[in-house]
Amino acid sequence: MNIHDLEAFVAVVETGSIVGASARLNLTQPGVTRRIQNLEERLATPLLDRQSKPLKPTVAGREAYEHGRRVLRSLEDLKAGVSLDGAVRGEFRLGIMPYLSTSALSAPLDSLREAFPRLTLKITSSLSPRLVEQVQHSEIDAVAVCLPEGVAPPPELAGDDLGTQSVLLVASPGLGVPKPVEIDMLSRYPWVLNETGCGFRAFIRHRFEVARLPFHVGVEAQGADLRMSLVARGHGIGIVTPGALSGSQWRDAVEVVDCPGFKPQVRCWLLHRPPAGRLAQPIAVFRDALAEALKGPMPLMS
């Protein structure tokens, strides 16, 4: 079986198109098509449902994909991992959602670099839904994400549960939020939040929908400092970790909103597609260091 044919098929499944595969492999589209046809002839079965858009594998194609990516991962491990000194080499593509970025890119990253100095790190930052999608399609090797409490990672991913993270609700005194405030009254105020895809935003929306209450995002803004400045100026209720609030330049311009029984929280996960191969040890080192970092004060959401 031709490895290049297998690479083309895996690329089509992961990108969802011949165009995407040709760009990934730096081949012409007819070249990718020929390689897929060669593999189908070799296996004597159709591997792609050519009527679907994006392209999806057939039942046999899904089985071939799972076996194929394991073969290609083993070859990558062989090329990158074989060395006289036994050092782990090659690229480690790591995705980190913004809320975890400061914690993940400090001590955990230092631990990773110290343990595996020959490993090349490629860091991507995005919201959790996009990162989960990327690791599902093998565009990233591992991701550190936050999911709403009760939402499980996709079953095809290996997941390490790093525990829950909570935040405080904060608002400008001028907004006039009662102390304490019930959730039905809380729903009458606008919110200053990250864009759709943020785990905490999903948690808050879900809780309000379950209670049949309105949920209004007054300002959607990227950047933790910008959001806190908007909260301080009375544009709505925001969310912040306890440690971040104590270190924020806006801490004296906002007050904590106490809403009994409503404490937004998400669960943090480190996810990857099995098998991890040569990256098993780097993933474990990063996971343990991140879990330890999350036990301390978290930074402001970004």
C-alpha atoms as a PDB file:
ATOM      1  CA  MET A   1       0.000   0.000   0.000  1.00  0.00           C
ATOM      2  CA  ASN A   2       1.326   3.424  -0.965  1.00  0.00           C
ATOM      3  CA  ILE A   3       1.849   5.724   2.034  1.00  0.00           C
ATOM      4  CA  HIS A   4       1.305   8.806  -0.144  1.00  0.00           C
ATOM      5  CA  ASP A   5      -2.142   7.503  -1.113  1.00  0.00           C
ATOM      6  CA  LEU A   6      -2.949   7.022   2.556  1.00  0.00           C
ATOM      7  CA  GLU A   7      -1.754  10.554   3.378  1.00  0.00           C
ATOM      8  CA  ALA A   8      -4.044  11.978   0.714  1.00  0.00           C
ATOM      9  CA  PHE A   9      -7.059  10.075   2.013  1.00  0.00           C
ATOM     10  CA  VAL A  10      -6.446  11.122   5.636  1.00  0.00           C
ATOM     11  CA  ALA A  11      -6.006  14.736   4.526  1.00  0.00           C
ATOM     12  CA  VAL A  12      -9.326  14.689   2.636  1.00  0.00           C
ATOM     13  CA  VAL A  13     -11.179  13.275   5.650  1.00  0.00           C
ATOM     14  CA  GLU A  14      -9.628  15.826   8.020  1.00  0.00           C
ATOM     15  CA  THR A  15     -10.111  18.870   5.781  1.00  0.00           C
ATOM     16  CA  GLY A  16     -13.436  17.776   4.288  1.00  0.00           C
ATOM     17  CA  SER A  17     -12.461  18.500   0.697  1.00  0.00           C
ATOM     18  CA  ILE A  18     -10.077  17.756  -2.147  1.00  0.00           C
ATOM     19  CA  VAL A  19      -9.173  21.460  -2.183  1.00  0.00           C
ATOM     20  CA  GLY A  20      -8.211  21.428   1.475  1.00  0.00           C
ATOM     21  CA  ALA A  21      -6.173  18.256   1.095  1.00  0.00           C
ATOM     22  CA  SER A  22      -4.336  19.616  -1.936  1.00  0.00           C
ATOM     23  CA  ALA A  23      -3.406  22.760   0.007  1.00  0.00           C
ATOM     24  CA  ARG A  24      -2.206  20.731   3.010  1.00  0.00           C
ATOM     25  CA  LEU A  25      -0.124  18.347   0.900  1.00  0.00           C
ATOM     26  CA  ASN A  26       0.981  20.925  -1.693  1.00  0.00           C
ATOM     27  CA  LEU A  27      -0.454  18.797  -4.499  1.00  0.00           C
ATOM     28  CA  THR A  28      -2.765  19.518  -7.407  1.00  0.00           C
ATOM     29  CA  GLN A  29      -6.410  18.577  -6.918  1.00  0.00           C
ATOM     30  CA  PRO A  30      -6.236  15.940  -9.713  1.00  0.00           C
ATOM     31  CA  GLY A  31      -3.173  14.508  -7.949  1.00  0.00           C
ATOM     32  CA  VAL A  32      -5.099  14.128  -4.687  1.00  0.00           C
ATOM     33  CA  THR A  33      -8.033  12.556  -6.529  1.00  0.00           C
ATOM     34  CA  ARG A  34      -5.760  10.016  -8.222  1.00  0.00           C
ATOM     35  CA  ARG A  35      -4.245   9.003  -4.901  1.00  0.00           C
ATOM     36  CA  ILE A  36      -7.683   8.477  -3.366  1.00  0.00           C
ATOM     37  CA  GLN A  37      -8.722   6.374  -6.348  1.00  0.00           C
ATOM     38  CA  ASN A  38      -5.523   4.314  -6.052  1.00  0.00           C
ATOM     39  CA  LEU A  39      -6.277   3.566  -2.409  1.00  0.00           C
ATOM     40  CA  GLU A  40      -9.906   2.670  -3.137  1.00  0.00           C
ATOM     41  CA  GLU A  41      -8.787   0.296  -5.892  1.00  0.00           C
ATOM     42  CA  ARG A  42      -6.234  -1.265  -3.562  1.00  0.00           C
ATOM     43  CA  LEU A  43      -8.850  -1.813  -0.834  1.00  0.00           C
ATOM     44  CA  ALA A  44     -11.594  -2.686  -3.361  1.00  0.00           C
ATOM     45  CA  THR A  45     -14.171  -0.433  -1.694  1.00  0.00           C
ATOM     46  CA  PRO A  46     -15.370   3.192  -1.891  1.00  0.00           C
ATOM     47  CA  LEU A  47     -13.870   5.256   0.942  1.00  0.00           C
ATOM     48  CA  LEU A  48     -15.597   8.612   0.374  1.00  0.00           C
ATOM     49  CA  ASP A  49     -19.248   9.601   0.023  1.00  0.00           C
ATOM     50  CA  ARG A  50     -18.842  11.905  -2.944  1.00  0.00           C
ATOM     51  CA  GLN A  51     -22.434  13.171  -2.692  1.00  0.00           C
ATOM     52  CA  SER A  52     -21.826  14.825   0.692  1.00  0.00           C
ATOM     53  CA  LYS A  53     -20.495  18.338   1.172  1.00  0.00           C
ATOM     54  CA  PRO A  54     -18.106  18.503   2.896  1.00  0.00           C
ATOM     55  CA  LEU A  55     -16.772  15.142   1.800  1.00  0.00           C
ATOM     56  CA  LYS A  56     -17.319  12.443   4.399  1.00  0.00           C
ATOM     57  CA  PRO A  57     -15.945   8.911   4.627  1.00  0.00           C
ATOM     58  CA  THR A  58     -18.160   5.900   4.049  1.00  0.00           C
ATOM     59  CA  VAL A  59     -18.488   3.310   6.820  1.00  0.00           C
ATOM     60  CA  ALA A  60     -15.485   1.503   5.369  1.00  0.00           C
ATOM     61  CA  GLY A  61     -13.751   4.837   4.894  1.00  0.00           C
ATOM     62  CA  ARG A  62     -14.149   5.734   8.575  1.00  0.00           C
ATOM     63  CA  GLU A  63     -12.525   2.426   9.527  1.00  0.00           C
ATOM     64  CA  ALA A  64      -9.755   3.019   6.990  1.00  0.00           C
ATOM     65  CA  TYR A  65      -9.219   6.528   8.321  1.00  0.00           C
ATOM     66  CA  GLU A  66      -8.796   5.381  11.934  1.00  0.00           C
ATOM     67  CA  HIS A  67      -6.294   2.717  10.904  1.00  0.00           C
ATOM     68  CA  GLY A  68      -4.600   5.070   8.459  1.00  0.00           C
ATOM     69  CA  ARG A  69      -3.992   7.895  10.899  1.00  0.00           C
ATOM     70  CA  ARG A  70      -2.475   5.418  13.342  1.00  0.00           C
ATOM     71  CA  VAL A  71      -0.110   4.205  10.633  1.00  0.00           C
ATOM     72  CA  LEU A  72       0.880   7.765   9.731  1.00  0.00           C
ATOM     73  CA  ARG A  73       1.320   8.703  13.402  1.00  0.00           C
ATOM     74  CA  SER A  74       3.598   5.686  13.849  1.00  0.00           C
ATOM     75  CA  LEU A  75       5.680   6.783  10.865  1.00  0.00           C
ATOM     76  CA  GLU A  76       5.891  10.326  12.279  1.00  0.00           C
ATOM     77  CA  ASP A  77       6.982   8.877  15.618  1.00  0.00           C
ATOM     78  CA  LEU A  78       9.617   6.817  13.845  1.00  0.00           C
ATOM     79  CA  LYS A  79      11.031   9.795  11.947  1.00  0.00           C
ATOM     80  CA  ALA A  80      10.865  12.271  14.824  1.00  0.00           C
ATOM     81  CA  GLY A  81      11.572  10.015  17.790  1.00  0.00           C
ATOM     82  CA  VAL A  82      14.531   7.920  16.650  1.00  0.00           C
ATOM     83  CA  SER A  83      17.736   9.502  17.939  1.00  0.00           C
ATOM     84  CA  LEU A  84      20.952   8.411  19.600  1.00  0.00           C
ATOM     85  CA  ASP A  85      20.140  10.283  22.815  1.00  0.00           C
ATOM     86  CA  GLY A  86      16.481   9.159  22.946  1.00  0.00           C
ATOM     87  CA  ALA A  87      15.225  12.754  23.041  1.00  0.00           C
ATOM     88  CA  VAL A  88      11.660  13.483  21.886  1.00  0.00           C
ATOM     89  CA  ARG A  89      11.862  15.608  18.758  1.00  0.00           C
ATOM     90  CA  GLY A  90       9.475  17.044  16.194  1.00  0.00           C
ATOM     91  CA  GLU A  91       6.509  19.404  16.459  1.00  0.00           C
ATOM     92  CA  PHE A  92       3.975  19.579  19.271  1.00  0.00           C
ATOM     93  CA  ARG A  93       0.876  21.525  18.194  1.00  0.00           C
ATOM     94  CA  LEU A  94      -0.860  22.736  21.325  1.00  0.00           C
ATOM     95  CA  GLY A  95      -4.164  24.641  21.444  1.00  0.00           C
ATOM     96  CA  ILE A  96      -5.080  26.744  24.482  1.00  0.00           C
ATOM     97  CA  MET A  97      -8.301  28.694  25.047  1.00  0.00           C
ATOM     98  CA  PRO A  98      -7.729  32.335  26.101  1.00  0.00           C
ATOM     99  CA  TYR A  99      -9.097  31.877  29.646  1.00  0.00           C
ATOM    100  CA  LEU A 100      -6.328  29.342  30.348  1.00  0.00           C
ATOM    101  CA  SER A 101      -3.578  30.997  28.341  1.00  0.00           C
ATOM    102  CA  THR A 102      -1.710  32.868  31.074  1.00  0.00           C
ATOM    103  CA  SER A 103      -1.719  29.878  33.440  1.00  0.00           C
ATOM    104  CA  ALA A 104      -0.884  27.425  30.665  1.00  0.00           C
ATOM    105  CA  LEU A 105       1.894  29.508  29.128  1.00  0.00           C
ATOM    106  CA  SER A 106       3.788  30.183  32.347  1.00  0.00           C
ATOM    107  CA  ALA A 107       4.905  27.304  34.609  1.00  0.00           C
ATOM    108  CA  PRO A 108       3.383  24.475  32.474  1.00  0.00           C
ATOM    109  CA  LEU A 109       5.145  25.689  29.354  1.00  0.00           C
ATOM    110  CA  ASP A 110       8.404  26.090  31.280  1.00  0.00           C
ATOM    111  CA  SER A 111       8.059  22.497  32.516  1.00  0.00           C
ATOM    112  CA  LEU A 112       7.460  21.279  28.973  1.00  0.00           C
ATOM    113  CA  ARG A 113      10.461  23.135  27.568  1.00  0.00           C
ATOM    114  CA  GLU A 114      12.715  21.903  30.366  1.00  0.00           C
ATOM    115  CA  ALA A 115      11.678  18.268  29.959  1.00  0.00           C
ATOM    116  CA  PHE A 116      11.734  18.229  26.141  1.00  0.00           C
ATOM    117  CA  PRO A 117      14.209  20.838  24.845  1.00  0.00           C
ATOM    118  CA  ARG A 118      14.301  19.281  21.346  1.00  0.00           C
ATOM    119  CA  LEU A 119      10.533  19.553  20.910  1.00  0.00           C
ATOM    120  CA  THR A 120       9.271  22.391  18.706  1.00  0.00           C
ATOM    121  CA  LEU A 121       6.129  23.956  20.164  1.00  0.00           C
ATOM    122  CA  LYS A 122       3.421  25.491  17.986  1.00  0.00           C
ATOM    123  CA  ILE A 123       0.834  27.286  20.147  1.00  0.00           C
ATOM    124  CA  THR A 124      -2.669  28.171  18.915  1.00  0.00           C
ATOM    125  CA  SER A 125      -5.190  30.263  20.871  1.00  0.00           C
ATOM    126  CA  SER A 126      -8.916  30.087  20.173  1.00  0.00           C
ATOM    127  CA  LEU A 127     -12.240  29.473  21.896  1.00  0.00           C
ATOM    128  CA  SER A 128     -13.030  25.957  23.077  1.00  0.00           C
ATOM    129  CA  PRO A 129     -15.478  24.853  20.311  1.00  0.00           C
ATOM    130  CA  ARG A 130     -12.972  25.699  17.594  1.00  0.00           C
ATOM    131  CA  LEU A 131     -10.097  23.985  19.426  1.00  0.00           C
ATOM    132  CA  VAL A 132     -12.150  20.827  19.993  1.00  0.00           C
ATOM    133  CA  GLU A 133     -12.978  20.772  16.284  1.00  0.00           C
ATOM    134  CA  GLN A 134      -9.314  21.194  15.364  1.00  0.00           C
ATOM    135  CA  VAL A 135      -8.111  18.353  17.595  1.00  0.00           C
ATOM    136  CA  GLN A 136     -10.904  16.125  16.241  1.00  0.00           C
ATOM    137  CA  HIS A 137      -9.564  16.740  12.728  1.00  0.00           C
ATOM    138  CA  SER A 138      -5.940  16.226  13.861  1.00  0.00           C
ATOM    139  CA  GLU A 139      -5.055  19.825  13.023  1.00  0.00           C
ATOM    140  CA  ILE A 140      -3.770  20.156  16.613  1.00  0.00           C
ATOM    141  CA  ASP A 141      -2.168  17.458  18.782  1.00  0.00           C
ATOM    142  CA  ALA A 142      -3.685  18.455  22.153  1.00  0.00           C
ATOM    143  CA  VAL A 143      -5.916  21.233  23.494  1.00  0.00           C
ATOM    144  CA  ALA A 144      -6.574  22.816  26.885  1.00  0.00           C
ATOM    145  CA  VAL A 145     -10.221  23.919  26.915  1.00  0.00           C
ATOM    146  CA  CYS A 146     -13.127  24.784  29.191  1.00  0.00           C
ATOM    147  CA  LEU A 147     -16.537  23.160  28.692  1.00  0.00           C
ATOM    148  CA  PRO A 148     -19.801  23.984  30.500  1.00  0.00           C
ATOM    149  CA  GLU A 149     -20.348  21.811  33.564  1.00  0.00           C
ATOM    150  CA  GLY A 150     -22.102  18.604  32.522  1.00  0.00           C
ATOM    151  CA  VAL A 151     -20.899  18.750  28.892  1.00  0.00           C
ATOM    152  CA  ALA A 152     -18.604  15.821  28.063  1.00  0.00           C
ATOM    153  CA  PRO A 153     -15.833  15.934  25.441  1.00  0.00           C
ATOM    154  CA  PRO A 154     -16.414  14.054  22.161  1.00  0.00           C
ATOM    155  CA  PRO A 155     -16.090  10.289  22.762  1.00  0.00           C
ATOM    156  CA  GLU A 156     -13.333   9.824  20.179  1.00  0.00           C
ATOM    157  CA  LEU A 157     -10.997  12.090  22.172  1.00  0.00           C
ATOM    158  CA  ALA A 158      -8.930  11.084  25.189  1.00  0.00           C
ATOM    159  CA  GLY A 159      -9.653  13.556  27.975  1.00  0.00           C
ATOM    160  CA  ASP A 160      -8.052  14.473  31.297  1.00  0.00           C
ATOM    161  CA  ASP A 161     -10.442  16.254  33.657  1.00  0.00           C
ATOM    162  CA  LEU A 162      -8.578  19.166  35.278  1.00  0.00           C
ATOM    163  CA  GLY A 163     -11.453  20.183  37.543  1.00  0.00           C
ATOM    164  CA  THR A 164     -13.867  23.087  37.712  1.00  0.00           C
ATOM    165  CA  GLN A 165     -13.085  26.800  37.597  1.00  0.00           C
ATOM    166  CA  SER A 166     -15.414  29.446  39.031  1.00  0.00           C
ATOM    167  CA  VAL A 167     -15.710  33.200  38.592  1.00  0.00           C
ATOM    168  CA  LEU A 168     -17.177  36.193  40.395  1.00  0.00           C
ATOM    169  CA  LEU A 169     -19.910  38.379  38.960  1.00  0.00           C
ATOM    170  CA  VAL A 170     -18.944  42.065  39.027  1.00  0.00           C
ATOM    171  CA  ALA A 171     -20.688  45.319  38.132  1.00  0.00           C
ATOM    172  CA  SER A 172     -20.297  49.054  38.541  1.00  0.00           C
ATOM    173  CA  PRO A 173     -22.035  50.398  41.674  1.00  0.00           C
ATOM    174  CA  GLY A 174     -23.797  52.833  39.359  1.00  0.00           C
ATOM    175  CA  LEU A 175     -25.583  49.971  37.615  1.00  0.00           C
ATOM    176  CA  GLY A 176     -27.724  49.549  40.724  1.00  0.00           C
ATOM    177  CA  VAL A 177     -27.672  45.755  41.084  1.00  0.00           C
ATOM    178  CA  PRO A 178     -29.351  44.822  44.419  1.00  0.00           C
ATOM    179  CA  LYS A 179     -27.326  43.169  47.215  1.00  0.00           C
ATOM    180  CA  PRO A 180     -27.981  40.276  47.193  1.00  0.00           C
ATOM    181  CA  VAL A 181     -29.813  39.769  43.915  1.00  0.00           C
ATOM    182  CA  GLU A 182     -32.053  36.902  42.834  1.00  0.00           C
ATOM    183  CA  ILE A 183     -31.523  35.338  39.434  1.00  0.00           C
ATOM    184  CA  ASP A 184     -34.791  36.689  38.011  1.00  0.00           C
ATOM    185  CA  MET A 185     -33.687  40.245  38.838  1.00  0.00           C
ATOM    186  CA  LEU A 186     -30.173  39.512  37.568  1.00  0.00           C
ATOM    187  CA  SER A 187     -31.600  38.605  34.170  1.00  0.00           C
ATOM    188  CA  ARG A 188     -32.860  42.168  33.722  1.00  0.00           C
ATOM    189  CA  TYR A 189     -29.330  43.554  33.373  1.00  0.00           C
ATOM    190  CA  PRO A 190     -27.103  43.471  30.282  1.00  0.00           C
ATOM    191  CA  TRP A 191     -23.860  41.500  30.268  1.00  0.00           C
ATOM    192  CA  VAL A 192     -20.342  42.282  29.062  1.00  0.00           C
ATOM    193  CA  LEU A 193     -18.924  38.984  27.791  1.00  0.00           C
ATOM    194  CA  ASN A 194     -16.640  37.246  25.363  1.00  0.00           C
ATOM    195  CA  GLU A 195     -17.920  36.166  21.970  1.00  0.00           C
ATOM    196  CA  THR A 196     -20.114  33.096  21.435  1.00  0.00           C
ATOM    197  CA  GLY A 197     -18.093  29.983  22.200  1.00  0.00           C
ATOM    198  CA  CYS A 198     -16.980  31.110  25.640  1.00  0.00           C
ATOM    199  CA  GLY A 199     -17.757  28.360  28.179  1.00  0.00           C
ATOM    200  CA  PHE A 200     -18.895  30.769  30.884  1.00  0.00           C
ATOM    201  CA  ARG A 201     -21.203  32.578  28.469  1.00  0.00           C
ATOM    202  CA  ALA A 202     -22.742  29.219  27.508  1.00  0.00           C
ATOM    203  CA  PHE A 203     -23.173  28.331  31.186  1.00  0.00           C
ATOM    204  CA  ILE A 204     -24.956  31.608  31.983  1.00  0.00           C
ATOM    205  CA  ARG A 205     -27.195  31.404  28.923  1.00  0.00           C
ATOM    206  CA  HIS A 206     -28.168  27.830  29.762  1.00  0.00           C
ATOM    207  CA  ARG A 207     -29.061  28.667  33.363  1.00  0.00           C
ATOM    208  CA  PHE A 208     -31.246  31.582  32.269  1.00  0.00           C
ATOM    209  CA  GLU A 209     -32.961  29.516  29.572  1.00  0.00           C
ATOM    210  CA  VAL A 210     -33.719  26.727  32.057  1.00  0.00           C
ATOM    211  CA  ALA A 211     -35.291  29.336  34.362  1.00  0.00           C
ATOM    212  CA  ARG A 212     -37.195  30.802  31.362  1.00  0.00           C
ATOM    213  CA  LEU A 213     -35.485  34.142  31.860  1.00  0.00           C
ATOM    214  CA  PRO A 214     -34.149  36.581  29.245  1.00  0.00           C
ATOM    215  CA  PHE A 215     -30.406  36.775  28.615  1.00  0.00           C
ATOM    216  CA  HIS A 216     -29.070  39.980  27.077  1.00  0.00           C
ATOM    217  CA  VAL A 217     -25.461  40.577  26.062  1.00  0.00           C
ATOM    218  CA  GLY A 218     -25.062  44.344  26.061  1.00  0.00           C
ATOM    219  CA  VAL A 219     -21.460  44.343  24.831  1.00  0.00           C
ATOM    220  CA  GLU A 220     -19.492  41.527  23.221  1.00  0.00           C
ATOM    221  CA  ALA A 221     -15.787  42.272  23.452  1.00  0.00           C
ATOM    222  CA  GLN A 222     -12.494  40.441  23.169  1.00  0.00           C
ATOM    223  CA  GLY A 223      -9.769  41.268  25.650  1.00  0.00           C
ATOM    224  CA  ALA A 224     -10.066  40.989  29.422  1.00  0.00           C
ATOM    225  CA  ASP A 225      -8.958  44.522  30.211  1.00  0.00           C
ATOM    226  CA  LEU A 226     -11.396  46.002  27.701  1.00  0.00           C
ATOM    227  CA  ARG A 227     -14.290  44.030  29.172  1.00  0.00           C
ATOM    228  CA  MET A 228     -13.435  45.082  32.723  1.00  0.00           C
ATOM    229  CA  SER A 229     -13.221  48.726  31.678  1.00  0.00           C
ATOM    230  CA  LEU A 230     -16.678  48.451  30.094  1.00  0.00           C
ATOM    231  CA  VAL A 231     -18.060  46.862  33.274  1.00  0.00           C
ATOM    232  CA  ALA A 232     -16.498  49.640  35.362  1.00  0.00           C
ATOM    233  CA  ARG A 233     -18.224  52.224  33.177  1.00  0.00           C
ATOM    234  CA  GLY A 234     -21.627  50.627  33.778  1.00  0.00           C
ATOM    235  CA  HIS A 235     -22.202  48.830  30.472  1.00  0.00           C
ATOM    236  CA  GLY A 236     -23.259  45.592  32.157  1.00  0.00           C
ATOM    237  CA  ILE A 237     -22.351  42.712  34.437  1.00  0.00           C
ATOM    238  CA  GLY A 238     -19.034  40.959  33.851  1.00  0.00           C
ATOM    239  CA  ILE A 239     -17.220  37.886  35.112  1.00  0.00           C
ATOM    240  CA  VAL A 240     -13.743  37.686  36.656  1.00  0.00           C
ATOM    241  CA  THR A 241     -11.737  35.251  38.774  1.00  0.00           C
ATOM    242  CA  PRO A 242     -11.032  36.181  42.426  1.00  0.00           C
ATOM    243  CA  GLY A 243      -7.286  36.394  41.850  1.00  0.00           C
ATOM    244  CA  ALA A 244      -7.739  38.512  38.749  1.00  0.00           C
ATOM    245  CA  LEU A 245     -10.051  40.948  40.510  1.00  0.00           C
ATOM    246  CA  SER A 246      -7.509  41.612  43.257  1.00  0.00           C
ATOM    247  CA  GLY A 247      -4.870  42.454  40.654  1.00  0.00           C
ATOM    248  CA  SER A 248      -7.049  44.427  38.253  1.00  0.00           C
ATOM    249  CA  GLN A 249      -6.656  48.161  37.778  1.00  0.00           C
ATOM    250  CA  TRP A 250     -10.472  48.320  37.792  1.00  0.00           C
ATOM    251  CA  ARG A 251     -10.976  46.577  41.163  1.00  0.00           C
ATOM    252  CA  ASP A 252     -11.970  49.791  42.963  1.00  0.00           C
ATOM    253  CA  ALA A 253     -14.453  50.739  40.231  1.00  0.00           C
ATOM    254  CA  VAL A 254     -16.524  47.542  40.481  1.00  0.00           C
ATOM    255  CA  GLU A 255     -18.229  45.519  43.189  1.00  0.00           C
ATOM    256  CA  VAL A 256     -18.953  41.826  43.521  1.00  0.00           C
ATOM    257  CA  VAL A 257     -22.533  40.815  42.717  1.00  0.00           C
ATOM    258  CA  ASP A 258     -23.901  38.235  45.160  1.00  0.00           C
ATOM    259  CA  CYS A 259     -26.523  35.964  43.622  1.00  0.00           C
ATOM    260  CA  PRO A 260     -27.183  32.979  45.935  1.00  0.00           C
ATOM    261  CA  GLY A 261     -27.448  29.710  44.075  1.00  0.00           C
ATOM    262  CA  PHE A 262     -25.955  31.096  40.861  1.00  0.00           C
ATOM    263  CA  LYS A 263     -22.211  30.551  40.633  1.00  0.00           C
ATOM    264  CA  PRO A 264     -20.957  30.326  37.025  1.00  0.00           C
ATOM    265  CA  GLN A 265     -18.377  27.606  36.537  1.00  0.00           C
ATOM    266  CA  VAL A 266     -16.890  25.463  33.811  1.00  0.00           C
ATOM    267  CA  ARG A 267     -14.823  22.283  33.753  1.00  0.00           C
ATOM    268  CA  CYS A 268     -11.312  22.347  32.313  1.00  0.00           C
ATOM    269  CA  TRP A 269     -10.036  19.537  30.092  1.00  0.00           C
ATOM    270  CA  LEU A 270      -6.874  18.520  28.292  1.00  0.00           C
ATOM    271  CA  LEU A 271      -7.918  16.628  25.154  1.00  0.00           C
ATOM    272  CA  HIS A 272      -6.084  14.737  22.420  1.00  0.00           C
ATOM    273  CA  ARG A 273      -6.755  12.072  19.820  1.00  0.00           C
ATOM    274  CA  PRO A 274      -5.413   8.646  20.721  1.00  0.00           C
ATOM    275  CA  PRO A 275      -2.908   7.234  20.212  1.00  0.00           C
ATOM    276  CA  ALA A 276      -0.585   9.960  21.485  1.00  0.00           C
ATOM    277  CA  GLY A 277       2.526   8.123  20.280  1.00  0.00           C
ATOM    278  CA  ARG A 278       5.763  10.034  20.842  1.00  0.00           C
ATOM    279  CA  LEU A 279       3.747  12.908  22.341  1.00  0.00           C
ATOM    280  CA  ALA A 280       2.395  10.815  25.226  1.00  0.00           C
ATOM    281  CA  GLN A 281       5.068  12.030  27.641  1.00  0.00           C
ATOM    282  CA  PRO A 282       4.927  15.722  26.623  1.00  0.00           C
ATOM    283  CA  ILE A 283       1.130  15.692  26.943  1.00  0.00           C
ATOM    284  CA  ALA A 284       1.392  14.128  30.402  1.00  0.00           C
ATOM    285  CA  VAL A 285       3.995  16.652  31.577  1.00  0.00           C
ATOM    286  CA  PHE A 286       1.935  19.587  30.322  1.00  0.00           C
ATOM    287  CA  ARG A 287      -1.262  18.124  31.826  1.00  0.00           C
ATOM    288  CA  ASP A 288       0.235  17.693  35.285  1.00  0.00           C
ATOM    289  CA  ALA A 289       1.816  21.150  35.290  1.00  0.00           C
ATOM    290  CA  LEU A 290      -1.395  22.802  34.100  1.00  0.00           C
ATOM    291  CA  ALA A 291      -3.474  20.970  36.728  1.00  0.00           C
ATOM    292  CA  GLU A 292      -1.103  22.273  39.389  1.00  0.00           C
ATOM    293  CA  ALA A 293      -1.234  25.826  37.999  1.00  0.00           C
ATOM    294  CA  LEU A 294      -5.031  25.802  38.014  1.00  0.00           C
ATOM    295  CA  LYS A 295      -5.061  25.186  41.748  1.00  0.00           C
ATOM    296  CA  GLY A 296      -3.718  28.700  42.324  1.00  0.00           C
ATOM    297  CA  PRO A 297      -5.296  32.111  41.539  1.00  0.00           C
ATOM    298  CA  MET A 298      -6.362  32.301  37.925  1.00  0.00           C
ATOM    299  CA  PRO A 299      -5.687  35.367  35.744  1.00  0.00           C
ATOM    300  CA  LEU A 300      -8.323  37.635  34.268  1.00  0.00           C
ATOM    301  CA  MET A 301     -10.251  36.056  31.417  1.00  0.00           C
ATOM    302  CA  SER A 302      -8.883  37.104  28.059  1.00  0.00           C
END
